Amino acid sequence: MSDPCVYRNAERNLIVWLYVDDLALWGGKQKIERFESELSKRVKIRSYGQMSQLLSLKIVRESATCVSVSQATYTQQILRDFGMDQSKTVTSPLGSSSKDVGDPRNDEPFNEHVYRKLIGSLLYLSTNTRPDIAFAVSYLSQFCSEPSQKNWVEAKRVLRYVNGTVDFKLTYVRGGKPVEIFCDADWANNADRKSFSGFVTKLAGAAVT
């Protein structure tokens, strides 16, 4: 699947996002209307007005200065696909013993295709609207080759956590604050002596990377 294409015209103060046959436009009202008018002379288009849906993203304008982004429908679909929509919920995506699950030699192997499918679905979720599961998914993605039964149990734990937090969303509030970036590392302070690092970039009060 190809990545979306973004074009920015600084002089016209217009941003165009393109994915296959879907367009999203950001800019002044007159600039957007002019772009749509010129484009309609060349191809048949349909305008849906103010954005409320973009691929699997639900976009809600809470107020003039506040916008929220969520993926509740996509999340529920993942849970149904893997039979976890009625699962018991947990309060964290990884258990305290998760760092001990990674050696498949100590456990029975698990279906690699199924494991990869779940991790891929969770990666898409974590990189769009759920940074709270980003570390867990990143850690478990290391075992996409020859996953074990314990890896699968931990991956399903992420689903159990997600099942209890389906309605989580990112909320962006215009406040004039600068971009904030946080980073940290555990300096190999774990059983396998491999260092893990992480970062988050926040803009308008919520994560963007």
N, C-alpha and C. Protein backbone atom coordinates (compact mmCIF):
# COMPACT_ATOMS: atom_id res chain seq x y z
N MET A 1 0.85 -1.18 0.00
CA MET A 1 0.00 0.00 0.00
C MET A 1 0.89 1.24 0.00
N SER A 2 0.67 2.13 -0.92
CA SER A 2 1.50 3.33 -1.04
C SER A 2 1.16 4.34 0.05
N ASP A 3 2.13 5.20 0.36
CA ASP A 3 1.92 6.22 1.37
C ASP A 3 1.18 7.41 0.79
N PRO A 4 0.46 8.16 1.65
CA PRO A 4 -0.21 9.38 1.18
C PRO A 4 0.81 10.40 0.70
N CYS A 5 0.37 11.28 -0.19
CA CYS A 5 1.22 12.35 -0.71
C CYS A 5 0.70 13.68 -0.20
N VAL A 6 1.60 14.52 0.28
CA VAL A 6 1.23 15.83 0.81
C VAL A 6 1.95 16.90 0.01
N TYR A 7 1.18 17.89 -0.47
CA TYR A 7 1.75 19.00 -1.22
C TYR A 7 1.37 20.30 -0.51
N ARG A 8 2.35 21.16 -0.31
CA ARG A 8 2.10 22.44 0.36
C ARG A 8 2.51 23.59 -0.54
N ASN A 9 1.58 24.51 -0.78
CA ASN A 9 1.86 25.71 -1.53
C ASN A 9 1.92 26.88 -0.55
N ALA A 10 3.12 27.29 -0.23
CA ALA A 10 3.31 28.33 0.79
C ALA A 10 2.73 29.67 0.34
N GLU A 11 2.85 29.97 -0.95
CA GLU A 11 2.37 31.25 -1.45
C GLU A 11 0.85 31.35 -1.37
N ARG A 12 0.18 30.24 -1.61
CA ARG A 12 -1.28 30.24 -1.57
C ARG A 12 -1.82 29.79 -0.22
N ASN A 13 -0.93 29.46 0.71
CA ASN A 13 -1.35 29.02 2.04
C ASN A 13 -2.33 27.86 1.94
N LEU A 14 -1.93 26.83 1.19
CA LEU A 14 -2.81 25.69 0.95
C LEU A 14 -2.03 24.38 1.08
N ILE A 15 -2.60 23.43 1.77
CA ILE A 15 -2.02 22.09 1.91
C ILE A 15 -2.98 21.08 1.30
N VAL A 16 -2.45 20.23 0.43
CA VAL A 16 -3.27 19.21 -0.24
C VAL A 16 -2.75 17.83 0.15
N TRP A 17 -3.62 16.99 0.70
CA TRP A 17 -3.28 15.62 1.09
C TRP A 17 -3.98 14.68 0.11
N LEU A 18 -3.22 13.79 -0.50
CA LEU A 18 -3.78 12.89 -1.52
C LEU A 18 -3.46 11.44 -1.19
N TYR A 19 -4.49 10.59 -1.22
CA TYR A 19 -4.31 9.15 -1.04
C TYR A 19 -5.26 8.43 -2.00
N VAL A 20 -4.69 7.81 -3.04
CA VAL A 20 -5.45 7.14 -4.09
C VAL A 20 -6.42 8.14 -4.73
N ASP A 21 -7.73 8.07 -4.43
CA ASP A 21 -8.67 9.01 -5.01
C ASP A 21 -9.33 9.90 -3.95
N ASP A 22 -8.71 9.98 -2.78
CA ASP A 22 -9.22 10.84 -1.70
C ASP A 22 -8.33 12.06 -1.53
N LEU A 23 -8.96 13.21 -1.35
CA LEU A 23 -8.25 14.47 -1.13
C LEU A 23 -8.69 15.10 0.18
N ALA A 24 -7.75 15.73 0.87
CA ALA A 24 -8.08 16.56 2.02
C ALA A 24 -7.35 17.88 1.84
N LEU A 25 -8.04 18.96 2.11
CA LEU A 25 -7.49 20.29 1.88
C LEU A 25 -7.48 21.10 3.17
N TRP A 26 -6.37 21.82 3.40
CA TRP A 26 -6.26 22.74 4.53
C TRP A 26 -5.88 24.11 3.99
N GLY A 27 -6.58 25.13 4.42
CA GLY A 27 -6.27 26.49 3.99
C GLY A 27 -7.47 27.41 4.18
N GLY A 28 -7.35 28.63 3.68
CA GLY A 28 -8.46 29.57 3.74
C GLY A 28 -9.63 29.12 2.87
N LYS A 29 -10.82 29.54 3.22
CA LYS A 29 -12.02 29.12 2.51
C LYS A 29 -11.96 29.45 1.03
N GLN A 30 -11.53 30.66 0.70
CA GLN A 30 -11.46 31.06 -0.71
C GLN A 30 -10.41 30.26 -1.47
N LYS A 31 -9.30 29.97 -0.82
CA LYS A 31 -8.24 29.19 -1.47
C LYS A 31 -8.72 27.77 -1.78
N ILE A 32 -9.45 27.20 -0.84
CA ILE A 32 -9.97 25.84 -1.04
C ILE A 32 -11.01 25.83 -2.16
N GLU A 33 -11.90 26.81 -2.15
CA GLU A 33 -12.94 26.86 -3.19
C GLU A 33 -12.34 27.06 -4.57
N ARG A 34 -11.30 27.85 -4.66
CA ARG A 34 -10.64 28.07 -5.95
C ARG A 34 -9.97 26.79 -6.44
N PHE A 35 -9.32 26.08 -5.52
CA PHE A 35 -8.66 24.82 -5.88
C PHE A 35 -9.70 23.81 -6.38
N GLU A 36 -10.81 23.68 -5.67
CA GLU A 36 -11.85 22.75 -6.07
C GLU A 36 -12.43 23.12 -7.43
N SER A 37 -12.60 24.42 -7.67
CA SER A 37 -13.15 24.88 -8.94
C SER A 37 -12.23 24.53 -10.11
N GLU A 38 -10.92 24.76 -9.90
CA GLU A 38 -9.95 24.46 -10.96
C GLU A 38 -9.84 22.95 -11.19
N LEU A 39 -9.87 22.19 -10.11
CA LEU A 39 -9.74 20.73 -10.23
C LEU A 39 -10.96 20.13 -10.92
N SER A 40 -12.16 20.67 -10.63
CA SER A 40 -13.39 20.13 -11.22
C SER A 40 -13.46 20.33 -12.73
N LYS A 41 -12.63 21.25 -13.26
CA LYS A 41 -12.60 21.46 -14.71
C LYS A 41 -11.84 20.32 -15.41
N ARG A 42 -11.09 19.58 -14.64
CA ARG A 42 -10.24 18.53 -15.21
C ARG A 42 -10.72 17.11 -14.88
N VAL A 43 -11.22 16.92 -13.66
CA VAL A 43 -11.73 15.61 -13.26
C VAL A 43 -13.03 15.80 -12.48
N LYS A 44 -13.82 14.74 -12.45
CA LYS A 44 -15.08 14.78 -11.71
C LYS A 44 -14.79 14.61 -10.22
N ILE A 45 -15.24 15.54 -9.42
CA ILE A 45 -14.98 15.48 -7.97
C ILE A 45 -16.27 15.66 -7.19
N ARG A 46 -16.23 15.26 -5.94
CA ARG A 46 -17.36 15.45 -5.04
C ARG A 46 -16.83 15.98 -3.72
N SER A 47 -17.38 17.08 -3.25
CA SER A 47 -16.94 17.69 -2.00
C SER A 47 -17.88 17.29 -0.87
N TYR A 48 -17.28 16.87 0.26
CA TYR A 48 -18.09 16.47 1.41
C TYR A 48 -18.06 17.53 2.52
N GLY A 49 -17.52 18.71 2.20
CA GLY A 49 -17.51 19.77 3.20
C GLY A 49 -16.46 19.55 4.27
N GLN A 50 -16.72 20.06 5.46
CA GLN A 50 -15.76 19.98 6.55
C GLN A 50 -15.44 18.53 6.89
N MET A 51 -14.17 18.23 7.06
CA MET A 51 -13.73 16.86 7.28
C MET A 51 -14.22 16.30 8.61
N SER A 52 -14.76 15.07 8.53
CA SER A 52 -15.16 14.36 9.74
C SER A 52 -14.60 12.94 9.75
N GLN A 53 -14.13 12.48 8.57
CA GLN A 53 -13.58 11.14 8.45
C GLN A 53 -12.43 11.16 7.46
N LEU A 54 -11.33 10.49 7.81
CA LEU A 54 -10.18 10.39 6.91
C LEU A 54 -9.60 9.00 7.07
N LEU A 55 -9.82 8.14 6.05
CA LEU A 55 -9.49 6.73 6.17
C LEU A 55 -10.17 6.18 7.42
N SER A 56 -9.43 5.68 8.40
CA SER A 56 -10.07 5.13 9.60
C SER A 56 -10.16 6.15 10.74
N LEU A 57 -9.73 7.38 10.47
CA LEU A 57 -9.70 8.41 11.51
C LEU A 57 -11.04 9.14 11.60
N LYS A 58 -11.55 9.29 12.81
CA LYS A 58 -12.73 10.11 13.06
C LYS A 58 -12.27 11.45 13.60
N ILE A 59 -12.67 12.52 12.96
CA ILE A 59 -12.22 13.86 13.32
C ILE A 59 -13.41 14.68 13.78
N VAL A 60 -13.33 15.20 15.00
CA VAL A 60 -14.43 15.97 15.58
C VAL A 60 -13.93 17.34 15.99
N ARG A 61 -14.60 18.37 15.49
CA ARG A 61 -14.26 19.74 15.91
C ARG A 61 -15.07 20.05 17.17
N GLU A 62 -14.40 19.93 18.32
CA GLU A 62 -15.06 20.13 19.60
C GLU A 62 -15.47 21.60 19.80
N SER A 63 -14.62 22.51 19.31
CA SER A 63 -14.90 23.94 19.39
C SER A 63 -14.07 24.64 18.32
N ALA A 64 -14.09 25.96 18.31
CA ALA A 64 -13.33 26.71 17.32
C ALA A 64 -11.83 26.51 17.47
N THR A 65 -11.40 26.12 18.66
CA THR A 65 -9.96 25.97 18.92
C THR A 65 -9.57 24.56 19.35
N CYS A 66 -10.49 23.61 19.22
CA CYS A 66 -10.22 22.25 19.72
C CYS A 66 -10.70 21.19 18.72
N VAL A 67 -9.81 20.26 18.38
CA VAL A 67 -10.12 19.17 17.47
C VAL A 67 -9.65 17.86 18.08
N SER A 68 -10.48 16.83 17.97
CA SER A 68 -10.09 15.51 18.48
C SER A 68 -10.04 14.49 17.34
N VAL A 69 -9.15 13.52 17.48
CA VAL A 69 -8.97 12.48 16.48
C VAL A 69 -9.00 11.13 17.18
N SER A 70 -9.79 10.19 16.64
CA SER A 70 -9.91 8.87 17.27
C SER A 70 -10.09 7.79 16.21
N GLN A 71 -10.01 6.53 16.64
CA GLN A 71 -10.18 5.39 15.74
C GLN A 71 -11.02 4.31 16.41
N ALA A 72 -12.11 4.69 17.03
CA ALA A 72 -12.93 3.73 17.76
C ALA A 72 -13.46 2.63 16.85
N THR A 73 -13.95 2.99 15.67
CA THR A 73 -14.52 1.99 14.76
C THR A 73 -13.46 1.00 14.31
N TYR A 74 -12.28 1.50 13.95
CA TYR A 74 -11.19 0.64 13.53
C TYR A 74 -10.75 -0.27 14.68
N THR A 75 -10.69 0.28 15.89
CA THR A 75 -10.30 -0.49 17.07
C THR A 75 -11.28 -1.64 17.31
N GLN A 76 -12.56 -1.35 17.22
CA GLN A 76 -13.58 -2.39 17.43
C GLN A 76 -13.48 -3.47 16.37
N GLN A 77 -13.11 -3.08 15.14
CA GLN A 77 -12.97 -4.07 14.07
C GLN A 77 -11.80 -5.02 14.36
N ILE A 78 -10.68 -4.48 14.86
CA ILE A 78 -9.55 -5.32 15.22
C ILE A 78 -9.96 -6.32 16.30
N LEU A 79 -10.67 -5.84 17.31
CA LEU A 79 -11.09 -6.70 18.40
C LEU A 79 -12.00 -7.83 17.90
N ARG A 80 -12.90 -7.51 16.97
CA ARG A 80 -13.78 -8.54 16.41
C ARG A 80 -12.99 -9.53 15.57
N ASP A 81 -12.05 -9.02 14.77
CA ASP A 81 -11.26 -9.88 13.88
C ASP A 81 -10.49 -10.95 14.66
N PHE A 82 -10.06 -10.61 15.87
CA PHE A 82 -9.27 -11.54 16.66
C PHE A 82 -10.05 -12.13 17.84
N GLY A 83 -11.37 -11.96 17.79
CA GLY A 83 -12.23 -12.56 18.80
C GLY A 83 -12.01 -12.05 20.21
N MET A 84 -11.64 -10.76 20.33
CA MET A 84 -11.33 -10.20 21.63
C MET A 84 -12.28 -9.08 22.03
N ASP A 85 -13.39 -8.93 21.32
CA ASP A 85 -14.32 -7.84 21.62
C ASP A 85 -15.09 -8.05 22.93
N GLN A 86 -15.12 -9.28 23.44
CA GLN A 86 -15.76 -9.55 24.72
C GLN A 86 -14.74 -9.93 25.79
N SER A 87 -13.49 -9.64 25.53
CA SER A 87 -12.43 -10.04 26.45
C SER A 87 -12.43 -9.21 27.73
N LYS A 88 -11.85 -9.78 28.77
CA LYS A 88 -11.67 -9.07 30.03
C LYS A 88 -10.60 -8.01 29.85
N THR A 89 -10.85 -6.81 30.35
CA THR A 89 -9.93 -5.69 30.14
C THR A 89 -8.83 -5.67 31.20
N VAL A 90 -7.72 -5.01 30.85
CA VAL A 90 -6.60 -4.81 31.78
C VAL A 90 -6.23 -3.32 31.76
N THR A 91 -5.45 -2.91 32.73
CA THR A 91 -5.15 -1.48 32.88
C THR A 91 -3.83 -1.05 32.25
N SER A 92 -3.08 -2.00 31.70
CA SER A 92 -1.81 -1.65 31.05
C SER A 92 -1.60 -2.58 29.85
N PRO A 93 -0.96 -2.08 28.79
CA PRO A 93 -0.77 -2.90 27.58
C PRO A 93 0.26 -4.01 27.71
N LEU A 94 1.21 -3.89 28.65
CA LEU A 94 2.21 -4.92 28.86
C LEU A 94 2.22 -5.35 30.33
N GLY A 95 2.43 -6.64 30.56
CA GLY A 95 2.53 -7.12 31.92
C GLY A 95 3.91 -6.90 32.49
N SER A 96 4.06 -7.07 33.79
CA SER A 96 5.35 -6.83 34.44
C SER A 96 6.41 -7.82 34.03
N SER A 97 6.02 -8.99 33.52
CA SER A 97 6.99 -10.01 33.12
C SER A 97 7.19 -10.07 31.62
N SER A 98 6.78 -9.03 30.91
CA SER A 98 6.82 -9.05 29.45
C SER A 98 8.22 -9.20 28.89
N LYS A 99 9.22 -8.70 29.59
CA LYS A 99 10.59 -8.79 29.08
C LYS A 99 11.12 -10.22 29.07
N ASP A 100 10.33 -11.16 29.61
CA ASP A 100 10.77 -12.56 29.63
C ASP A 100 10.08 -13.41 28.57
N VAL A 101 9.31 -12.75 27.67
CA VAL A 101 8.50 -13.54 26.74
C VAL A 101 9.19 -13.76 25.40
N GLY A 102 10.36 -13.19 25.18
CA GLY A 102 10.88 -13.12 23.83
C GLY A 102 11.68 -14.28 23.29
N ASP A 103 11.96 -15.30 24.07
CA ASP A 103 12.78 -16.40 23.58
C ASP A 103 11.89 -17.58 23.19
N PRO A 104 11.68 -17.77 21.88
CA PRO A 104 10.78 -18.84 21.43
C PRO A 104 11.30 -20.24 21.75
N ARG A 105 12.56 -20.36 22.09
CA ARG A 105 13.11 -21.67 22.42
C ARG A 105 12.53 -22.20 23.72
N ASN A 106 12.00 -21.31 24.55
CA ASN A 106 11.44 -21.71 25.83
C ASN A 106 9.94 -21.93 25.78
N ASP A 107 9.36 -21.91 24.59
CA ASP A 107 7.91 -22.04 24.48
C ASP A 107 7.53 -22.61 23.12
N GLU A 108 6.29 -23.04 23.01
CA GLU A 108 5.79 -23.57 21.75
C GLU A 108 5.66 -22.44 20.73
N PRO A 109 5.95 -22.71 19.46
CA PRO A 109 5.80 -21.67 18.43
C PRO A 109 4.34 -21.33 18.17
N PHE A 110 4.13 -20.13 17.64
CA PHE A 110 2.77 -19.69 17.30
C PHE A 110 2.71 -19.34 15.82
N ASN A 111 1.50 -19.35 15.24
CA ASN A 111 1.29 -19.06 13.83
C ASN A 111 1.85 -17.68 13.46
N GLU A 112 2.87 -17.67 12.64
CA GLU A 112 3.55 -16.42 12.29
C GLU A 112 2.65 -15.47 11.52
N HIS A 113 1.83 -16.01 10.60
CA HIS A 113 0.95 -15.16 9.79
C HIS A 113 -0.06 -14.43 10.66
N VAL A 114 -0.68 -15.13 11.59
CA VAL A 114 -1.68 -14.52 12.49
C VAL A 114 -1.03 -13.46 13.37
N TYR A 115 0.14 -13.79 13.91
CA TYR A 115 0.84 -12.85 14.80
C TYR A 115 1.20 -11.57 14.05
N ARG A 116 1.72 -11.73 12.84
CA ARG A 116 2.10 -10.55 12.05
C ARG A 116 0.89 -9.70 11.70
N LYS A 117 -0.22 -10.35 11.41
CA LYS A 117 -1.44 -9.62 11.08
C LYS A 117 -1.89 -8.75 12.25
N LEU A 118 -1.84 -9.30 13.45
CA LEU A 118 -2.23 -8.54 14.63
C LEU A 118 -1.27 -7.38 14.89
N ILE A 119 0.02 -7.65 14.84
CA ILE A 119 1.01 -6.60 15.10
C ILE A 119 0.88 -5.48 14.06
N GLY A 120 0.65 -5.84 12.80
CA GLY A 120 0.46 -4.83 11.76
C GLY A 120 -0.74 -3.95 12.03
N SER A 121 -1.84 -4.56 12.47
CA SER A 121 -3.05 -3.79 12.79
C SER A 121 -2.81 -2.86 13.97
N LEU A 122 -2.10 -3.35 14.98
CA LEU A 122 -1.81 -2.53 16.16
C LEU A 122 -0.81 -1.42 15.85
N LEU A 123 0.13 -1.68 14.95
CA LEU A 123 1.08 -0.64 14.54
C LEU A 123 0.36 0.52 13.89
N TYR A 124 -0.59 0.21 13.00
CA TYR A 124 -1.36 1.27 12.34
C TYR A 124 -2.13 2.10 13.37
N LEU A 125 -2.68 1.42 14.36
CA LEU A 125 -3.42 2.11 15.41
C LEU A 125 -2.50 2.97 16.26
N SER A 126 -1.35 2.41 16.65
CA SER A 126 -0.44 3.13 17.55
C SER A 126 0.20 4.35 16.91
N THR A 127 0.45 4.30 15.61
CA THR A 127 1.11 5.42 14.94
C THR A 127 0.15 6.52 14.53
N ASN A 128 -1.15 6.27 14.64
CA ASN A 128 -2.14 7.29 14.28
C ASN A 128 -2.76 7.98 15.49
N THR A 129 -3.35 7.20 16.39
CA THR A 129 -4.09 7.83 17.48
C THR A 129 -3.84 7.23 18.85
N ARG A 130 -3.01 6.17 18.94
CA ARG A 130 -2.82 5.52 20.23
C ARG A 130 -1.36 5.40 20.62
N PRO A 131 -0.71 6.52 20.92
CA PRO A 131 0.69 6.47 21.35
C PRO A 131 0.88 5.72 22.67
N ASP A 132 -0.20 5.51 23.42
CA ASP A 132 -0.09 4.81 24.69
C ASP A 132 0.25 3.33 24.52
N ILE A 133 0.05 2.78 23.31
CA ILE A 133 0.41 1.37 23.08
C ILE A 133 1.65 1.26 22.19
N ALA A 134 2.25 2.39 21.84
CA ALA A 134 3.37 2.38 20.89
C ALA A 134 4.55 1.54 21.39
N PHE A 135 4.92 1.69 22.66
CA PHE A 135 6.06 0.92 23.16
C PHE A 135 5.76 -0.57 23.16
N ALA A 136 4.58 -0.95 23.64
CA ALA A 136 4.21 -2.36 23.70
C ALA A 136 4.23 -3.00 22.32
N VAL A 137 3.66 -2.31 21.34
CA VAL A 137 3.59 -2.85 19.99
C VAL A 137 4.98 -2.91 19.37
N SER A 138 5.79 -1.89 19.60
CA SER A 138 7.15 -1.88 19.09
C SER A 138 7.95 -3.04 19.66
N TYR A 139 7.80 -3.28 20.96
CA TYR A 139 8.53 -4.37 21.61
C TYR A 139 8.09 -5.72 21.06
N LEU A 140 6.79 -5.93 20.93
CA LEU A 140 6.28 -7.22 20.46
C LEU A 140 6.55 -7.45 18.97
N SER A 141 6.76 -6.38 18.22
CA SER A 141 7.04 -6.53 16.79
C SER A 141 8.40 -7.18 16.54
N GLN A 142 9.25 -7.22 17.56
CA GLN A 142 10.55 -7.87 17.41
C GLN A 142 10.42 -9.37 17.17
N PHE A 143 9.28 -9.92 17.53
CA PHE A 143 9.10 -11.36 17.48
C PHE A 143 8.21 -11.82 16.32
N CYS A 144 8.09 -10.97 15.29
CA CYS A 144 7.26 -11.33 14.14
C CYS A 144 7.82 -12.53 13.39
N SER A 145 9.11 -12.76 13.53
CA SER A 145 9.72 -13.95 12.95
C SER A 145 9.81 -15.02 14.03
N GLU A 146 9.12 -16.11 13.83
CA GLU A 146 9.08 -17.24 14.77
C GLU A 146 8.54 -16.81 16.15
N PRO A 147 7.34 -16.26 16.19
CA PRO A 147 6.75 -15.90 17.49
C PRO A 147 6.42 -17.15 18.31
N SER A 148 6.38 -16.96 19.61
CA SER A 148 6.04 -18.06 20.51
C SER A 148 4.63 -17.88 21.07
N GLN A 149 4.15 -18.90 21.76
CA GLN A 149 2.84 -18.82 22.40
C GLN A 149 2.82 -17.70 23.44
N LYS A 150 3.94 -17.51 24.15
CA LYS A 150 4.00 -16.43 25.14
C LYS A 150 3.93 -15.06 24.47
N ASN A 151 4.56 -14.93 23.30
CA ASN A 151 4.46 -13.67 22.55
C ASN A 151 3.00 -13.39 22.21
N TRP A 152 2.29 -14.42 21.80
CA TRP A 152 0.88 -14.26 21.42
C TRP A 152 0.03 -13.86 22.62
N VAL A 153 0.31 -14.45 23.78
CA VAL A 153 -0.43 -14.09 24.99
C VAL A 153 -0.22 -12.61 25.31
N GLU A 154 1.03 -12.14 25.18
CA GLU A 154 1.31 -10.73 25.45
C GLU A 154 0.66 -9.82 24.41
N ALA A 155 0.64 -10.26 23.16
CA ALA A 155 -0.01 -9.46 22.11
C ALA A 155 -1.51 -9.35 22.38
N LYS A 156 -2.10 -10.44 22.85
CA LYS A 156 -3.53 -10.40 23.18
C LYS A 156 -3.79 -9.52 24.40
N ARG A 157 -2.80 -9.39 25.27
CA ARG A 157 -2.96 -8.49 26.41
C ARG A 157 -3.12 -7.05 25.92
N VAL A 158 -2.40 -6.69 24.87
CA VAL A 158 -2.56 -5.35 24.29
C VAL A 158 -4.00 -5.16 23.82
N LEU A 159 -4.57 -6.21 23.20
CA LEU A 159 -5.96 -6.13 22.76
C LEU A 159 -6.91 -5.99 23.96
N ARG A 160 -6.61 -6.67 25.04
CA ARG A 160 -7.46 -6.56 26.23
C ARG A 160 -7.39 -5.14 26.80
N TYR A 161 -6.21 -4.53 26.75
CA TYR A 161 -6.07 -3.14 27.19
C TYR A 161 -6.85 -2.21 26.26
N VAL A 162 -6.71 -2.43 24.96
CA VAL A 162 -7.40 -1.60 23.97
C VAL A 162 -8.91 -1.75 24.11
N ASN A 163 -9.37 -2.94 24.46
CA ASN A 163 -10.81 -3.18 24.62
C ASN A 163 -11.40 -2.33 25.72
N GLY A 164 -10.59 -1.99 26.70
CA GLY A 164 -11.08 -1.14 27.79
C GLY A 164 -10.87 0.34 27.55
N THR A 165 -10.22 0.67 26.42
CA THR A 165 -9.90 2.08 26.13
C THR A 165 -10.27 2.44 24.69
N VAL A 166 -11.33 1.82 24.19
CA VAL A 166 -11.74 2.01 22.78
C VAL A 166 -11.96 3.48 22.45
N ASP A 167 -12.51 4.23 23.38
CA ASP A 167 -12.88 5.62 23.12
C ASP A 167 -11.75 6.62 23.37
N PHE A 168 -10.55 6.15 23.64
CA PHE A 168 -9.43 7.08 23.81
C PHE A 168 -9.23 7.88 22.53
N LYS A 169 -8.84 9.14 22.68
CA LYS A 169 -8.65 10.00 21.51
C LYS A 169 -7.55 11.01 21.78
N LEU A 170 -7.03 11.57 20.71
CA LEU A 170 -6.07 12.67 20.82
C LEU A 170 -6.85 13.97 20.68
N THR A 171 -6.62 14.90 21.59
CA THR A 171 -7.33 16.18 21.56
C THR A 171 -6.32 17.31 21.42
N TYR A 172 -6.47 18.07 20.35
CA TYR A 172 -5.56 19.18 20.06
C TYR A 172 -6.27 20.50 20.35
N VAL A 173 -5.66 21.32 21.18
CA VAL A 173 -6.24 22.61 21.57
C VAL A 173 -5.27 23.73 21.21
N ARG A 174 -5.74 24.67 20.41
CA ARG A 174 -4.89 25.81 20.04
C ARG A 174 -4.57 26.64 21.27
N GLY A 175 -3.27 26.77 21.54
CA GLY A 175 -2.88 27.52 22.72
C GLY A 175 -1.66 28.38 22.51
N GLY A 176 -1.06 28.30 21.32
CA GLY A 176 0.10 29.12 21.04
C GLY A 176 1.38 28.62 21.67
N LYS A 177 1.35 27.41 22.23
CA LYS A 177 2.55 26.87 22.87
C LYS A 177 3.47 26.25 21.83
N PRO A 178 4.76 26.25 22.09
CA PRO A 178 5.72 25.66 21.13
C PRO A 178 5.64 24.14 21.13
N VAL A 179 6.29 23.54 20.15
CA VAL A 179 6.38 22.09 20.08
C VAL A 179 7.18 21.57 21.27
N GLU A 180 6.72 20.48 21.86
CA GLU A 180 7.41 19.86 22.99
C GLU A 180 7.90 18.48 22.58
N ILE A 181 9.14 18.15 22.93
CA ILE A 181 9.70 16.84 22.61
C ILE A 181 10.30 16.23 23.87
N PHE A 182 9.93 14.99 24.15
CA PHE A 182 10.44 14.27 25.31
C PHE A 182 11.08 12.97 24.83
N CYS A 183 12.19 12.59 25.44
CA CYS A 183 12.83 11.33 25.09
C CYS A 183 13.48 10.72 26.33
N ASP A 184 13.64 9.39 26.28
CA ASP A 184 14.24 8.71 27.41
C ASP A 184 14.75 7.35 26.94
N ALA A 185 15.56 6.71 27.76
CA ALA A 185 16.08 5.37 27.46
C ALA A 185 16.31 4.65 28.78
N ASP A 186 16.26 3.31 28.74
CA ASP A 186 16.47 2.56 29.97
C ASP A 186 17.92 2.10 30.14
N TRP A 187 18.76 2.43 29.20
CA TRP A 187 20.19 2.13 29.28
C TRP A 187 20.46 0.66 29.61
N ALA A 188 19.72 -0.21 28.91
CA ALA A 188 19.88 -1.67 29.05
C ALA A 188 19.62 -2.14 30.48
N ASN A 189 18.76 -1.45 31.17
CA ASN A 189 18.44 -1.83 32.55
C ASN A 189 17.32 -2.86 32.56
N ASN A 190 17.58 -4.01 31.92
CA ASN A 190 16.59 -5.07 31.86
C ASN A 190 17.30 -6.41 31.73
N ALA A 191 16.52 -7.48 31.71
CA ALA A 191 17.09 -8.83 31.77
C ALA A 191 17.94 -9.17 30.55
N ASP A 192 17.54 -8.70 29.35
CA ASP A 192 18.29 -9.08 28.15
C ASP A 192 19.42 -8.11 27.82
N ARG A 193 19.61 -7.09 28.65
CA ARG A 193 20.70 -6.13 28.49
C ARG A 193 20.66 -5.39 27.17
N LYS A 194 19.48 -5.20 26.63
CA LYS A 194 19.32 -4.42 25.40
C LYS A 194 18.63 -3.10 25.73
N SER A 195 19.24 -2.02 25.30
CA SER A 195 18.70 -0.71 25.64
C SER A 195 17.48 -0.37 24.80
N PHE A 196 16.47 0.19 25.45
CA PHE A 196 15.26 0.67 24.76
C PHE A 196 15.18 2.19 24.91
N SER A 197 14.83 2.85 23.83
CA SER A 197 14.64 4.29 23.89
C SER A 197 13.27 4.63 23.34
N GLY A 198 12.79 5.80 23.70
CA GLY A 198 11.48 6.24 23.23
C GLY A 198 11.41 7.75 23.18
N PHE A 199 10.46 8.26 22.40
CA PHE A 199 10.29 9.71 22.32
C PHE A 199 8.84 10.03 21.99
N VAL A 200 8.44 11.24 22.31
CA VAL A 200 7.12 11.72 21.92
C VAL A 200 7.24 13.20 21.57
N THR A 201 6.60 13.60 20.49
CA THR A 201 6.55 14.99 20.08
C THR A 201 5.11 15.47 20.25
N LYS A 202 4.93 16.56 21.00
CA LYS A 202 3.59 17.07 21.25
C LYS A 202 3.41 18.45 20.63
N LEU A 203 2.25 18.63 20.05
CA LEU A 203 1.89 19.92 19.46
C LEU A 203 0.43 20.19 19.80
N ALA A 204 0.14 21.38 20.30
CA ALA A 204 -1.23 21.76 20.69
C ALA A 204 -1.80 20.82 21.74
N GLY A 205 -0.92 20.30 22.60
CA GLY A 205 -1.38 19.53 23.74
C GLY A 205 -1.47 18.04 23.57
N ALA A 206 -1.17 17.52 22.38
CA ALA A 206 -1.26 16.07 22.17
C ALA A 206 -0.15 15.60 21.24
N ALA A 207 0.06 14.28 21.21
CA ALA A 207 1.15 13.71 20.43
C ALA A 207 0.92 13.82 18.93
N VAL A 208 1.99 14.10 18.20
CA VAL A 208 1.95 14.06 16.73
C VAL A 208 2.93 13.01 16.20
N THR A 209 3.97 12.67 16.98
CA THR A 209 4.84 11.54 16.67
C THR A 209 5.21 10.84 17.96
